[in-house]
């Protein structure tokens, strides 16, 4: 699951959460809820990692101070030519 987290995934997680609080969930719904949460977390982590890897940090003087670890990843992905 790349990029943005699908709204349908979020909607279904919320729907199951509300149902769990009101009437409870069946065994199948509990399994679905667990799987949806795992999918959500995987997508979140991927998106977060991508955002961090695209990050450039500058100090007040305008000098780039991006951490070397991030620069290395950016070079490896062909995002930097320095």
Protein backbone atom coordinates (compact mmCIF):
# COMPACT_ATOMS: atom_id res chain seq x y z
CA UNK A 1 0.00 0.00 0.00
CA UNK A 2 1.87 3.04 -1.22
CA UNK A 3 1.23 6.72 -0.75
CA UNK A 4 -1.82 8.08 0.97
CA UNK A 5 -3.87 5.87 3.26
CA UNK A 6 -7.16 5.00 1.52
CA UNK A 7 -10.18 6.72 3.08
CA UNK A 8 -12.16 3.47 2.75
CA UNK A 9 -9.67 1.78 5.09
CA UNK A 10 -10.02 4.54 7.68
CA UNK A 11 -13.82 4.55 7.35
CA UNK A 12 -14.06 0.79 7.89
CA UNK A 13 -11.74 0.92 10.92
CA UNK A 14 -13.90 3.67 12.42
CA UNK A 15 -17.10 1.78 11.61
CA UNK A 16 -15.87 -1.35 13.37
CA UNK A 17 -14.64 0.69 16.33
CA UNK A 18 -18.06 2.30 16.79
CA UNK A 19 -19.81 -1.06 16.46
CA UNK A 20 -17.44 -2.61 19.00
CA UNK A 21 -18.39 0.08 21.53
CA UNK A 22 -22.13 -0.17 20.89
CA UNK A 23 -23.06 -3.79 20.15
CA UNK A 24 -19.78 -5.66 20.03
CA UNK A 25 -18.08 -7.45 17.16
CA UNK A 26 -18.30 -10.98 15.85
CA UNK A 27 -15.18 -13.14 15.78
CA UNK A 28 -14.85 -12.45 12.03
CA UNK A 29 -15.16 -8.71 12.58
CA UNK A 30 -12.51 -8.81 15.31
CA UNK A 31 -10.14 -10.52 12.88
CA UNK A 32 -11.03 -8.00 10.16
CA UNK A 33 -10.44 -5.12 12.59
CA UNK A 34 -7.01 -6.50 13.54
CA UNK A 35 -6.04 -6.93 9.87
CA UNK A 36 -7.28 -3.45 8.95
CA UNK A 37 -5.28 -1.90 11.78
CA UNK A 38 -2.16 -3.76 10.64
CA UNK A 39 -2.72 -2.50 7.06
CA UNK A 40 -3.22 1.04 8.37
CA UNK A 41 -0.03 0.95 10.44
CA UNK A 42 1.98 -0.46 7.52
CA UNK A 43 0.71 2.31 5.22
CA UNK A 44 1.33 4.96 7.87
CA UNK A 45 4.89 3.78 8.43
CA UNK A 46 5.59 3.68 4.70
CA UNK A 47 4.23 7.20 4.20
CA UNK A 48 6.11 8.52 7.22
CA UNK A 49 9.37 6.93 6.07
CA UNK A 50 8.91 8.40 2.59
CA UNK A 51 8.30 11.86 4.06
CA UNK A 52 11.41 11.66 6.22
CA UNK A 53 13.51 10.40 3.32
CA UNK A 54 12.45 13.43 1.22
CA UNK A 55 13.25 15.85 4.04
CA UNK A 56 15.86 18.58 3.76
CA UNK A 57 16.77 20.60 6.85
CA UNK A 58 18.22 24.12 6.75
CA UNK A 59 19.54 26.31 9.55
CA UNK A 60 18.73 30.01 10.00
CA UNK A 61 21.57 31.02 7.69
CA UNK A 62 20.18 28.85 4.88
CA UNK A 63 22.87 26.18 5.12
CA UNK A 64 21.61 22.65 4.64
CA UNK A 65 22.01 20.57 7.80
CA UNK A 66 20.12 17.46 6.74
CA UNK A 67 21.35 14.49 8.79
CA UNK A 68 23.96 12.41 6.94
CA UNK A 69 21.89 9.26 7.36
CA UNK A 70 19.01 10.88 5.45
CA UNK A 71 21.39 12.23 2.79
CA UNK A 72 22.79 8.72 2.30
CA UNK A 73 19.30 7.30 1.74
CA UNK A 74 18.48 10.13 -0.67
CA UNK A 75 21.69 9.47 -2.65
CA UNK A 76 20.90 5.76 -2.80
CA UNK A 77 17.44 6.54 -4.22
CA UNK A 78 18.88 8.99 -6.73
CA UNK A 79 17.29 12.02 -5.02
CA UNK A 80 20.63 13.78 -4.46
CA UNK A 81 23.57 14.38 -6.74
CA UNK A 82 26.04 15.61 -4.13
